[in-house]
Amino acid sequence: AGVGPLDTSHSLSNLRIDVTADTATVRCNAQVMHFPPGEGPDPARTRH
């Protein structure tokens, strides 16, 4: 409801993964861009 309608890009990087049997911990960066619905592809729209 909150993020789905927006034009978004969630880019994960620098994943560091520690695994112990059936559990794991991940630490990573998440660069996240949000535009109002339908405005992401419009170069004239800069609100983000």
ModelCIF file with pLDDT and N, C-alpha, C, O atoms, coordinates in Angstrom:
data_MODEL
#
_entry.id   MODEL 
#
_entity.id                         1 
_entity.type                       polymer 
_entity.pdbx_number_of_molecules   1 
#
_entity_poly.entity_id                      1 
_entity_poly.type                           'polypeptide(L)' 
_entity_poly.nstd_linkage                   no 
_entity_poly.nstd_monomer                   no 
_entity_poly.pdbx_seq_one_letter_code       AGVGPLDTSHSLSNLRIDVTADTATVRCNAQVMHFPPGEGPDPARTRH 
_entity_poly.pdbx_seq_one_letter_code_can   AGVGPLDTSHSLSNLRIDVTADTATVRCNAQVMHFPPGEGPDPARTRH 
_entity_poly.pdbx_strand_id                 A 
#
loop_
_entity_poly_seq.entity_id 
_entity_poly_seq.num 
_entity_poly_seq.mon_id 
_entity_poly_seq.hetero 
1 1  ALA n 
1 2  GLY n 
1 3  VAL n 
1 4  GLY n 
1 5  PRO n 
1 6  LEU n 
1 7  ASP n 
1 8  THR n 
1 9  SER n 
1 10 HIS n 
1 11 SER n 
1 12 LEU n 
1 13 SER n 
1 14 ASN n 
1 15 LEU n 
1 16 ARG n 
1 17 ILE n 
1 18 ASP n 
1 19 VAL n 
1 20 THR n 
1 21 ALA n 
1 22 ASP n 
1 23 THR n 
1 24 ALA n 
1 25 THR n 
1 26 VAL n 
1 27 ARG n 
1 28 CYS n 
1 29 ASN n 
1 30 ALA n 
1 31 GLN n 
1 32 VAL n 
1 33 MET n 
1 34 HIS n 
1 35 PHE n 
1 36 PRO n 
1 37 PRO n 
1 38 GLY n 
1 39 GLU n 
1 40 GLY n 
1 41 PRO n 
1 42 ASP n 
1 43 PRO n 
1 44 ALA n 
1 45 ARG n 
1 46 THR n 
1 47 ARG n 
1 48 HIS n 
#
_struct_asym.id          A 
_struct_asym.entity_id   1 
#
loop_
_ma_qa_metric.id 
_ma_qa_metric.mode 
_ma_qa_metric.name 
_ma_qa_metric.software_group_id 
_ma_qa_metric.type 
1 global pLDDT . pLDDT 
2 local  pLDDT . pLDDT 
#
_ma_qa_metric_global.metric_id      1 
_ma_qa_metric_global.metric_value   95.75 
_ma_qa_metric_global.model_id       1 
_ma_qa_metric_global.ordinal_id     1 
#
loop_
_ma_qa_metric_local.label_asym_id 
_ma_qa_metric_local.label_comp_id 
_ma_qa_metric_local.label_seq_id 
_ma_qa_metric_local.metric_id 
_ma_qa_metric_local.metric_value 
_ma_qa_metric_local.model_id 
_ma_qa_metric_local.ordinal_id 
A ALA 1  2 96.00 1 1  
A GLY 2  2 94.00 1 2  
A VAL 3  2 95.00 1 3  
A GLY 4  2 93.00 1 4  
A PRO 5  2 95.00 1 5  
A LEU 6  2 96.00 1 6  
A ASP 7  2 96.00 1 7  
A THR 8  2 97.00 1 8  
A SER 9  2 97.00 1 9  
A HIS 10 2 98.00 1 10 
A SER 11 2 98.00 1 11 
A LEU 12 2 98.00 1 12 
A SER 13 2 98.00 1 13 
A ASN 14 2 98.00 1 14 
A LEU 15 2 98.00 1 15 
A ARG 16 2 98.00 1 16 
A ILE 17 2 98.00 1 17 
A ASP 18 2 98.00 1 18 
A VAL 19 2 97.00 1 19 
A THR 20 2 96.00 1 20 
A ALA 21 2 94.00 1 21 
A ASP 22 2 97.00 1 22 
A THR 23 2 98.00 1 23 
A ALA 24 2 98.00 1 24 
A THR 25 2 98.00 1 25 
A VAL 26 2 98.00 1 26 
A ARG 27 2 98.00 1 27 
A CYS 28 2 98.00 1 28 
A ASN 29 2 98.00 1 29 
A ALA 30 2 98.00 1 30 
A GLN 31 2 98.00 1 31 
A VAL 32 2 97.00 1 32 
A MET 33 2 97.00 1 33 
A HIS 34 2 97.00 1 34 
A PHE 35 2 96.00 1 35 
A PRO 36 2 96.00 1 36 
A PRO 37 2 95.00 1 37 
A GLY 38 2 93.00 1 38 
A GLU 39 2 93.00 1 39 
A GLY 40 2 91.00 1 40 
A PRO 41 2 91.00 1 41 
A ASP 42 2 91.00 1 42 
A PRO 43 2 91.00 1 43 
A ALA 44 2 91.00 1 44 
A ARG 45 2 89.00 1 45 
A THR 46 2 91.00 1 46 
A ARG 47 2 94.00 1 47 
A HIS 48 2 96.00 1 48 
#
loop_
_atom_site.group_PDB 
_atom_site.id 
_atom_site.type_symbol 
_atom_site.label_atom_id 
_atom_site.label_alt_id 
_atom_site.label_comp_id 
_atom_site.label_asym_id 
_atom_site.label_entity_id 
_atom_site.label_seq_id 
_atom_site.pdbx_PDB_ins_code 
_atom_site.Cartn_x 
_atom_site.Cartn_y 
_atom_site.Cartn_z 
_atom_site.occupancy 
_atom_site.B_iso_or_equiv 
_atom_site.pdbx_formal_charge 
_atom_site.auth_seq_id 
_atom_site.auth_comp_id 
_atom_site.auth_asym_id 
_atom_site.auth_atom_id 
_atom_site.pdbx_PDB_model_num 
ATOM 1   N N  . ALA A 1 1  ? 0.819  -1.209  0.000   1.00 96.00 ? 1  ALA A N  1 
ATOM 2   C CA . ALA A 1 1  ? 0.000  0.000   0.000   1.00 96.00 ? 1  ALA A CA 1 
ATOM 3   C C  . ALA A 1 1  ? 0.854  1.261   0.000   1.00 96.00 ? 1  ALA A C  1 
ATOM 4   O O  . ALA A 1 1  ? 0.510  2.239   -0.663  1.00 96.00 ? 1  ALA A O  1 
ATOM 5   N N  . GLY A 1 2  ? 1.967  1.249   0.738   1.00 94.00 ? 2  GLY A N  1 
ATOM 6   C CA . GLY A 1 2  ? 2.776  2.451   0.888   1.00 94.00 ? 2  GLY A CA 1 
ATOM 7   C C  . GLY A 1 2  ? 3.851  2.634   -0.160  1.00 94.00 ? 2  GLY A C  1 
ATOM 8   O O  . GLY A 1 2  ? 4.066  3.743   -0.650  1.00 94.00 ? 2  GLY A O  1 
ATOM 9   N N  . VAL A 1 3  ? 4.531  1.544   -0.508  1.00 95.00 ? 3  VAL A N  1 
ATOM 10  C CA . VAL A 1 3  ? 5.653  1.622   -1.449  1.00 95.00 ? 3  VAL A CA 1 
ATOM 11  C C  . VAL A 1 3  ? 5.241  1.145   -2.839  1.00 95.00 ? 3  VAL A C  1 
ATOM 12  O O  . VAL A 1 3  ? 5.720  1.671   -3.843  1.00 95.00 ? 3  VAL A O  1 
ATOM 13  N N  . GLY A 1 4  ? 4.359  0.156   -2.901  1.00 93.00 ? 4  GLY A N  1 
ATOM 14  C CA . GLY A 1 4  ? 3.957  -0.443  -4.167  1.00 93.00 ? 4  GLY A CA 1 
ATOM 15  C C  . GLY A 1 4  ? 3.539  0.536   -5.244  1.00 93.00 ? 4  GLY A C  1 
ATOM 16  O O  . GLY A 1 4  ? 3.945  0.369   -6.394  1.00 93.00 ? 4  GLY A O  1 
ATOM 17  N N  . PRO A 1 5  ? 2.740  1.562   -4.927  1.00 95.00 ? 5  PRO A N  1 
ATOM 18  C CA . PRO A 1 5  ? 2.303  2.498   -5.977  1.00 95.00 ? 5  PRO A CA 1 
ATOM 19  C C  . PRO A 1 5  ? 3.409  3.436   -6.479  1.00 95.00 ? 5  PRO A C  1 
ATOM 20  O O  . PRO A 1 5  ? 3.304  3.987   -7.574  1.00 95.00 ? 5  PRO A O  1 
ATOM 21  N N  . LEU A 1 6  ? 4.466  3.617   -5.679  1.00 96.00 ? 6  LEU A N  1 
ATOM 22  C CA . LEU A 1 6  ? 5.531  4.548   -6.058  1.00 96.00 ? 6  LEU A CA 1 
ATOM 23  C C  . LEU A 1 6  ? 6.402  3.961   -7.167  1.00 96.00 ? 6  LEU A C  1 
ATOM 24  O O  . LEU A 1 6  ? 6.449  2.745   -7.355  1.00 96.00 ? 6  LEU A O  1 
ATOM 25  N N  . ASP A 1 7  ? 7.087  4.833   -7.894  1.00 96.00 ? 7  ASP A N  1 
ATOM 26  C CA . ASP A 1 7  ? 8.135  4.394   -8.821  1.00 96.00 ? 7  ASP A CA 1 
ATOM 27  C C  . ASP A 1 7  ? 9.402  4.277   -7.989  1.00 96.00 ? 7  ASP A C  1 
ATOM 28  O O  . ASP A 1 7  ? 9.930  5.286   -7.522  1.00 96.00 ? 7  ASP A O  1 
ATOM 29  N N  . THR A 1 8  ? 9.896  3.062   -7.798  1.00 97.00 ? 8  THR A N  1 
ATOM 30  C CA . THR A 1 8  ? 11.018 2.845   -6.892  1.00 97.00 ? 8  THR A CA 1 
ATOM 31  C C  . THR A 1 8  ? 12.125 2.015   -7.511  1.00 97.00 ? 8  THR A C  1 
ATOM 32  O O  . THR A 1 8  ? 11.935 1.307   -8.500  1.00 97.00 ? 8  THR A O  1 
ATOM 33  N N  . SER A 1 9  ? 13.276 2.130   -6.898  1.00 97.00 ? 9  SER A N  1 
ATOM 34  C CA . SER A 1 9  ? 14.414 1.270   -7.205  1.00 97.00 ? 9  SER A CA 1 
ATOM 35  C C  . SER A 1 9  ? 15.132 0.984   -5.897  1.00 97.00 ? 9  SER A C  1 
ATOM 36  O O  . SER A 1 9  ? 15.675 1.895   -5.273  1.00 97.00 ? 9  SER A O  1 
ATOM 37  N N  . HIS A 1 10 ? 15.137 -0.271  -5.479  1.00 98.00 ? 10 HIS A N  1 
ATOM 38  C CA . HIS A 1 10 ? 15.833 -0.712  -4.274  1.00 98.00 ? 10 HIS A CA 1 
ATOM 39  C C  . HIS A 1 10 ? 17.054 -1.513  -4.732  1.00 98.00 ? 10 HIS A C  1 
ATOM 40  O O  . HIS A 1 10 ? 16.927 -2.663  -5.151  1.00 98.00 ? 10 HIS A O  1 
ATOM 41  N N  . SER A 1 11 ? 18.221 -0.905  -4.652  1.00 98.00 ? 11 SER A N  1 
ATOM 42  C CA . SER A 1 11 ? 19.452 -1.546  -5.118  1.00 98.00 ? 11 SER A CA 1 
ATOM 43  C C  . SER A 1 11 ? 20.300 -1.960  -3.927  1.00 98.00 ? 11 SER A C  1 
ATOM 44  O O  . SER A 1 11 ? 20.719 -1.120  -3.130  1.00 98.00 ? 11 SER A O  1 
ATOM 45  N N  . LEU A 1 12 ? 20.550 -3.255  -3.811  1.00 98.00 ? 12 LEU A N  1 
ATOM 46  C CA . LEU A 1 12 ? 21.341 -3.788  -2.711  1.00 98.00 ? 12 LEU A CA 1 
ATOM 47  C C  . LEU A 1 12 ? 22.778 -3.991  -3.163  1.00 98.00 ? 12 LEU A C  1 
ATOM 48  O O  . LEU A 1 12 ? 23.037 -4.450  -4.275  1.00 98.00 ? 12 LEU A O  1 
ATOM 49  N N  . SER A 1 13 ? 23.707 -3.640  -2.283  1.00 98.00 ? 13 SER A N  1 
ATOM 50  C CA . SER A 1 13 ? 25.120 -3.834  -2.615  1.00 98.00 ? 13 SER A CA 1 
ATOM 51  C C  . SER A 1 13 ? 25.902 -4.183  -1.348  1.00 98.00 ? 13 SER A C  1 
ATOM 52  O O  . SER A 1 13 ? 25.402 -4.065  -0.229  1.00 98.00 ? 13 SER A O  1 
ATOM 53  N N  . ASN A 1 14 ? 27.134 -4.611  -1.562  1.00 98.00 ? 14 ASN A N  1 
ATOM 54  C CA . ASN A 1 14 ? 28.064 -4.922  -0.476  1.00 98.00 ? 14 ASN A CA 1 
ATOM 55  C C  . ASN A 1 14 ? 27.473 -5.919  0.518   1.00 98.00 ? 14 ASN A C  1 
ATOM 56  O O  . ASN A 1 14 ? 27.605 -5.750  1.730   1.00 98.00 ? 14 ASN A O  1 
ATOM 57  N N  . LEU A 1 15 ? 26.818 -6.963  -0.003  1.00 98.00 ? 15 LEU A N  1 
ATOM 58  C CA . LEU A 1 15 ? 26.246 -7.977  0.869   1.00 98.00 ? 15 LEU A CA 1 
ATOM 59  C C  . LEU A 1 15 ? 27.360 -8.731  1.588   1.00 98.00 ? 15 LEU A C  1 
ATOM 60  O O  . LEU A 1 15 ? 28.271 -9.276  0.965   1.00 98.00 ? 15 LEU A O  1 
ATOM 61  N N  . ARG A 1 16 ? 27.260 -8.747  2.908   1.00 98.00 ? 16 ARG A N  1 
ATOM 62  C CA . ARG A 1 16 ? 28.155 -9.537  3.744   1.00 98.00 ? 16 ARG A CA 1 
ATOM 63  C C  . ARG A 1 16 ? 27.281 -10.549 4.454   1.00 98.00 ? 16 ARG A C  1 
ATOM 64  O O  . ARG A 1 16 ? 26.366 -10.179 5.189   1.00 98.00 ? 16 ARG A O  1 
ATOM 65  N N  . ILE A 1 17 ? 27.558 -11.817 4.237   1.00 98.00 ? 17 ILE A N  1 
ATOM 66  C CA . ILE A 1 17 ? 26.668 -12.891 4.682   1.00 98.00 ? 17 ILE A CA 1 
ATOM 67  C C  . ILE A 1 17 ? 27.425 -13.818 5.620   1.00 98.00 ? 17 ILE A C  1 
ATOM 68  O O  . ILE A 1 17 ? 28.479 -14.354 5.277   1.00 98.00 ? 17 ILE A O  1 
ATOM 69  N N  . ASP A 1 18 ? 26.860 -13.993 6.817   1.00 98.00 ? 18 ASP A N  1 
ATOM 70  C CA . ASP A 1 18 ? 27.398 -14.947 7.781   1.00 98.00 ? 18 ASP A CA 1 
ATOM 71  C C  . ASP A 1 18 ? 26.368 -16.063 7.948   1.00 98.00 ? 18 ASP A C  1 
ATOM 72  O O  . ASP A 1 18 ? 25.213 -15.805 8.289   1.00 98.00 ? 18 ASP A O  1 
ATOM 73  N N  . VAL A 1 19 ? 26.790 -17.293 7.708   1.00 97.00 ? 19 VAL A N  1 
ATOM 74  C CA . VAL A 1 19 ? 25.887 -18.446 7.778   1.00 97.00 ? 19 VAL A CA 1 
ATOM 75  C C  . VAL A 1 19 ? 26.300 -19.345 8.932   1.00 97.00 ? 19 VAL A C  1 
ATOM 76  O O  . VAL A 1 19 ? 27.476 -19.675 9.083   1.00 97.00 ? 19 VAL A O  1 
ATOM 77  N N  . THR A 1 20 ? 25.320 -19.741 9.751   1.00 96.00 ? 20 THR A N  1 
ATOM 78  C CA . THR A 1 20 ? 25.532 -20.726 10.809  1.00 96.00 ? 20 THR A CA 1 
ATOM 79  C C  . THR A 1 20 ? 24.388 -21.725 10.726  1.00 96.00 ? 20 THR A C  1 
ATOM 80  O O  . THR A 1 20 ? 23.269 -21.451 11.159  1.00 96.00 ? 20 THR A O  1 
ATOM 81  N N  . ALA A 1 21 ? 24.689 -22.878 10.167  1.00 94.00 ? 21 ALA A N  1 
ATOM 82  C CA . ALA A 1 21 ? 23.683 -23.942 10.011  1.00 94.00 ? 21 ALA A CA 1 
ATOM 83  C C  . ALA A 1 21 ? 22.460 -23.418 9.258   1.00 94.00 ? 21 ALA A C  1 
ATOM 84  O O  . ALA A 1 21 ? 22.559 -23.112 8.070   1.00 94.00 ? 21 ALA A O  1 
ATOM 85  N N  . ASP A 1 22 ? 21.306 -23.308 9.930   1.00 97.00 ? 22 ASP A N  1 
ATOM 86  C CA . ASP A 1 22 ? 20.066 -22.892 9.263   1.00 97.00 ? 22 ASP A CA 1 
ATOM 87  C C  . ASP A 1 22 ? 19.681 -21.445 9.537   1.00 97.00 ? 22 ASP A C  1 
ATOM 88  O O  . ASP A 1 22 ? 18.530 -21.058 9.332   1.00 97.00 ? 22 ASP A O  1 
ATOM 89  N N  . THR A 1 23 ? 20.638 -20.643 9.999   1.00 98.00 ? 23 THR A N  1 
ATOM 90  C CA . THR A 1 23 ? 20.396 -19.217 10.207  1.00 98.00 ? 23 THR A CA 1 
ATOM 91  C C  . THR A 1 23 ? 21.508 -18.417 9.535   1.00 98.00 ? 23 THR A C  1 
ATOM 92  O O  . THR A 1 23 ? 22.610 -18.918 9.311   1.00 98.00 ? 23 THR A O  1 
ATOM 93  N N  . ALA A 1 24 ? 21.194 -17.172 9.224   1.00 98.00 ? 24 ALA A N  1 
ATOM 94  C CA . ALA A 1 24 ? 22.194 -16.317 8.586   1.00 98.00 ? 24 ALA A CA 1 
ATOM 95  C C  . ALA A 1 24 ? 21.930 -14.869 8.961   1.00 98.00 ? 24 ALA A C  1 
ATOM 96  O O  . ALA A 1 24 ? 20.807 -14.489 9.291   1.00 98.00 ? 24 ALA A O  1 
ATOM 97  N N  . THR A 1 25 ? 22.973 -14.080 8.904   1.00 98.00 ? 25 THR A N  1 
ATOM 98  C CA . THR A 1 25 ? 22.877 -12.635 9.073   1.00 98.00 ? 25 THR A CA 1 
ATOM 99  C C  . THR A 1 25 ? 23.443 -11.986 7.823   1.00 98.00 ? 25 THR A C  1 
ATOM 100 O O  . THR A 1 25 ? 24.521 -12.344 7.348   1.00 98.00 ? 25 THR A O  1 
ATOM 101 N N  . VAL A 1 26 ? 22.690 -11.018 7.298   1.00 98.00 ? 26 VAL A N  1 
ATOM 102 C CA . VAL A 1 26 ? 23.144 -10.254 6.131   1.00 98.00 ? 26 VAL A CA 1 
ATOM 103 C C  . VAL A 1 26 ? 23.252 -8.792  6.547   1.00 98.00 ? 26 VAL A C  1 
ATOM 104 O O  . VAL A 1 26 ? 22.358 -8.243  7.192   1.00 98.00 ? 26 VAL A O  1 
ATOM 105 N N  . ARG A 1 27 ? 24.354 -8.182  6.168   1.00 98.00 ? 27 ARG A N  1 
ATOM 106 C CA . ARG A 1 27 ? 24.526 -6.739  6.301   1.00 98.00 ? 27 ARG A CA 1 
ATOM 107 C C  . ARG A 1 27 ? 24.804 -6.220  4.900   1.00 98.00 ? 27 ARG A C  1 
ATOM 108 O O  . ARG A 1 27 ? 25.661 -6.745  4.190   1.00 98.00 ? 27 ARG A O  1 
ATOM 109 N N  . CYS A 1 28 ? 24.066 -5.179  4.508   1.00 98.00 ? 28 CYS A N  1 
ATOM 110 C CA . CYS A 1 28 ? 24.262 -4.649  3.157   1.00 98.00 ? 28 CYS A CA 1 
ATOM 111 C C  . CYS A 1 28 ? 23.813 -3.201  3.080   1.00 98.00 ? 28 CYS A C  1 
ATOM 112 O O  . CYS A 1 28 ? 23.148 -2.688  3.980   1.00 98.00 ? 28 CYS A O  1 
ATOM 113 N N  . ASN A 1 29 ? 24.187 -2.559  1.994   1.00 98.00 ? 29 ASN A N  1 
ATOM 114 C CA . ASN A 1 29 ? 23.696 -1.225  1.680   1.00 98.00 ? 29 ASN A CA 1 
ATOM 115 C C  . ASN A 1 29 ? 22.451 -1.368  0.820   1.00 98.00 ? 29 ASN A C  1 
ATOM 116 O O  . ASN A 1 29 ? 22.339 -2.285  0.006   1.00 98.00 ? 29 ASN A O  1 
ATOM 117 N N  . ALA A 1 30 ? 21.518 -0.445  1.018   1.00 98.00 ? 30 ALA A N  1 
ATOM 118 C CA . ALA A 1 30 ? 20.306 -0.413  0.198   1.00 98.00 ? 30 ALA A CA 1 
ATOM 119 C C  . ALA A 1 30 ? 20.107 1.031   -0.249  1.00 98.00 ? 30 ALA A C  1 
ATOM 120 O O  . ALA A 1 30 ? 19.645 1.877   0.516   1.00 98.00 ? 30 ALA A O  1 
ATOM 121 N N  . GLN A 1 31 ? 20.466 1.296   -1.503  1.00 98.00 ? 31 GLN A N  1 
ATOM 122 C CA . GLN A 1 31 ? 20.208 2.625   -2.050  1.00 98.00 ? 31 GLN A CA 1 
ATOM 123 C C  . GLN A 1 31 ? 18.814 2.582   -2.656  1.00 98.00 ? 31 GLN A C  1 
ATOM 124 O O  . GLN A 1 31 ? 18.523 1.771   -3.536  1.00 98.00 ? 31 GLN A O  1 
ATOM 125 N N  . VAL A 1 32 ? 17.960 3.473   -2.167  1.00 97.00 ? 32 VAL A N  1 
ATOM 126 C CA . VAL A 1 32 ? 16.540 3.377   -2.474  1.00 97.00 ? 32 VAL A CA 1 
ATOM 127 C C  . VAL A 1 32 ? 16.040 4.712   -3.020  1.00 97.00 ? 32 VAL A C  1 
ATOM 128 O O  . VAL A 1 32 ? 16.101 5.732   -2.334  1.00 97.00 ? 32 VAL A O  1 
ATOM 129 N N  . MET A 1 33 ? 15.544 4.700   -4.259  1.00 97.00 ? 33 MET A N  1 
ATOM 130 C CA . MET A 1 33 ? 14.994 5.889   -4.901  1.00 97.00 ? 33 MET A CA 1 
ATOM 131 C C  . MET A 1 33 ? 13.486 5.744   -4.989  1.00 97.00 ? 33 MET A C  1 
ATOM 132 O O  . MET A 1 33 ? 12.969 4.704   -5.397  1.00 97.00 ? 33 MET A O  1 
ATOM 133 N N  . HIS A 1 34 ? 12.787 6.803   -4.600  1.00 97.00 ? 34 HIS A N  1 
ATOM 134 C CA . HIS A 1 34 ? 11.320 6.833   -4.660  1.00 97.00 ? 34 HIS A CA 1 
ATOM 135 C C  . HIS A 1 34 ? 10.876 8.067   -5.430  1.00 97.00 ? 34 HIS A C  1 
ATOM 136 O O  . HIS A 1 34 ? 11.361 9.171   -5.178  1.00 97.00 ? 34 HIS A O  1 
ATOM 137 N N  . PHE A 1 35 ? 9.961  7.881   -6.361  1.00 96.00 ? 35 PHE A N  1 
ATOM 138 C CA . PHE A 1 35 ? 9.277  8.973   -7.049  1.00 96.00 ? 35 PHE A CA 1 
ATOM 139 C C  . PHE A 1 35 ? 7.780  8.785   -6.835  1.00 96.00 ? 35 PHE A C  1 
ATOM 140 O O  . PHE A 1 35 ? 7.327  7.656   -6.648  1.00 96.00 ? 35 PHE A O  1 
ATOM 141 N N  . PRO A 1 36 ? 6.999  9.871   -6.859  1.00 96.00 ? 36 PRO A N  1 
ATOM 142 C CA . PRO A 1 36 ? 5.542  9.702   -6.820  1.00 96.00 ? 36 PRO A CA 1 
ATOM 143 C C  . PRO A 1 36 ? 5.082  8.819   -7.987  1.00 96.00 ? 36 PRO A C  1 
ATOM 144 O O  . PRO A 1 36 ? 5.769  8.740   -9.005  1.00 96.00 ? 36 PRO A O  1 
ATOM 145 N N  . PRO A 1 37 ? 3.940  8.163   -7.850  1.00 95.00 ? 37 PRO A N  1 
ATOM 146 C CA . PRO A 1 37 ? 3.466  7.245   -8.890  1.00 95.00 ? 37 PRO A CA 1 
ATOM 147 C C  . PRO A 1 37 ? 3.444  7.876   -10.283 1.00 95.00 ? 37 PRO A C  1 
ATOM 148 O O  . PRO A 1 37 ? 2.885  8.953   -10.487 1.00 95.00 ? 37 PRO A O  1 
ATOM 149 N N  . GLY A 1 38 ? 4.068  7.175   -11.233 1.00 93.00 ? 38 GLY A N  1 
ATOM 150 C CA . GLY A 1 38 ? 4.072  7.601   -12.627 1.00 93.00 ? 38 GLY A CA 1 
ATOM 151 C C  . GLY A 1 38 ? 5.061  8.697   -12.970 1.00 93.00 ? 38 GLY A C  1 
ATOM 152 O O  . GLY A 1 38 ? 5.169  9.075   -14.136 1.00 93.00 ? 38 GLY A O  1 
ATOM 153 N N  . GLU A 1 39 ? 5.793  9.226   -11.980 1.00 93.00 ? 39 GLU A N  1 
ATOM 154 C CA . GLU A 1 39 ? 6.696  10.340  -12.246 1.00 93.00 ? 39 GLU A CA 1 
ATOM 155 C C  . GLU A 1 39 ? 8.150  9.927   -12.433 1.00 93.00 ? 39 GLU A C  1 
ATOM 156 O O  . GLU A 1 39 ? 8.962  10.733  -12.886 1.00 93.00 ? 39 GLU A O  1 
ATOM 157 N N  . GLY A 1 40 ? 8.490  8.705   -12.099 1.00 91.00 ? 40 GLY A N  1 
ATOM 158 C CA . GLY A 1 40 ? 9.881  8.263   -12.200 1.00 91.00 ? 40 GLY A CA 1 
ATOM 159 C C  . GLY A 1 40 ? 10.489 8.400   -13.585 1.00 91.00 ? 40 GLY A C  1 
ATOM 160 O O  . GLY A 1 40 ? 11.626 8.856   -13.706 1.00 91.00 ? 40 GLY A O  1 
ATOM 161 N N  . PRO A 1 41 ? 9.765  8.017   -14.639 1.00 91.00 ? 41 PRO A N  1 
ATOM 162 C CA . PRO A 1 41 ? 10.351 8.089   -15.977 1.00 91.00 ? 41 PRO A CA 1 
ATOM 163 C C  . PRO A 1 41 ? 10.383 9.492   -16.587 1.00 91.00 ? 41 PRO A C  1 
ATOM 164 O O  . PRO A 1 41 ? 10.989 9.679   -17.642 1.00 91.00 ? 41 PRO A O  1 
ATOM 165 N N  . ASP A 1 42 ? 9.757  10.470  -15.963 1.00 91.00 ? 42 ASP A N  1 
ATOM 166 C CA . ASP A 1 42 ? 9.647  11.813  -16.533 1.00 91.00 ? 42 ASP A CA 1 
ATOM 167 C C  . ASP A 1 42 ? 10.836 12.674  -16.110 1.00 91.00 ? 42 ASP A C  1 
ATOM 168 O O  . ASP A 1 42 ? 10.950 13.019  -14.934 1.00 91.00 ? 42 ASP A O  1 
ATOM 169 N N  . PRO A 1 43 ? 11.728 13.031  -17.047 1.00 91.00 ? 43 PRO A N  1 
ATOM 170 C CA . PRO A 1 43 ? 12.911 13.811  -16.679 1.00 91.00 ? 43 PRO A CA 1 
ATOM 171 C C  . PRO A 1 43 ? 12.582 15.206  -16.153 1.00 91.00 ? 43 PRO A C  1 
ATOM 172 O O  . PRO A 1 43 ? 13.423 15.833  -15.508 1.00 91.00 ? 43 PRO A O  1 
ATOM 173 N N  . ALA A 1 44 ? 11.382 15.696  -16.415 1.00 91.00 ? 44 ALA A N  1 
ATOM 174 C CA . ALA A 1 44 ? 10.991 17.010  -15.911 1.00 91.00 ? 44 ALA A CA 1 
ATOM 175 C C  . ALA A 1 44 ? 10.591 16.957  -14.436 1.00 91.00 ? 44 ALA A C  1 
ATOM 176 O O  . ALA A 1 44 ? 10.511 17.992  -13.774 1.00 91.00 ? 44 ALA A O  1 
ATOM 177 N N  . ARG A 1 45 ? 10.344 15.761  -13.929 1.00 89.00 ? 45 ARG A N  1 
ATOM 178 C CA . ARG A 1 45 ? 9.917  15.605  -12.538 1.00 89.00 ? 45 ARG A CA 1 
ATOM 179 C C  . ARG A 1 45 ? 11.139 15.339  -11.673 1.00 89.00 ? 45 ARG A C  1 
ATOM 180 O O  . ARG A 1 45 ? 11.850 14.356  -11.882 1.00 89.00 ? 45 ARG A O  1 
ATOM 181 N N  . THR A 1 46 ? 11.380 16.201  -10.713 1.00 91.00 ? 46 THR A N  1 
ATOM 182 C CA . THR A 1 46 ? 12.561 16.041  -9.872  1.00 91.00 ? 46 THR A CA 1 
ATOM 183 C C  . THR A 1 46 ? 12.231 15.790  -8.410  1.00 91.00 ? 46 THR A C  1 
ATOM 184 O O  . THR A 1 46 ? 13.139 15.594  -7.603  1.00 91.00 ? 46 THR A O  1 
ATOM 185 N N  . ARG A 1 47 ? 10.959 15.792  -8.051  1.00 94.00 ? 47 ARG A N  1 
ATOM 186 C CA . ARG A 1 47 ? 10.571 15.523  -6.667  1.00 94.00 ? 47 ARG A CA 1 
ATOM 187 C C  . ARG A 1 47 ? 10.791 14.040  -6.392  1.00 94.00 ? 47 ARG A C  1 
ATOM 188 O O  . ARG A 1 47 ? 10.227 13.181  -7.070  1.00 94.00 ? 47 ARG A O  1 
ATOM 189 N N  . HIS A 1 48 ? 11.605 13.753  -5.400  1.00 96.00 ? 48 HIS A N  1 
ATOM 190 C CA . HIS A 1 48 ? 11.970 12.370  -5.110  1.00 96.00 ? 48 HIS A CA 1 
ATOM 191 C C  . HIS A 1 48 ? 12.405 12.239  -3.655  1.00 96.00 ? 48 HIS A C  1 
ATOM 192 O O  . HIS A 1 48 ? 12.754 11.144  -3.212  1.00 96.00 ? 48 HIS A O  1 
#
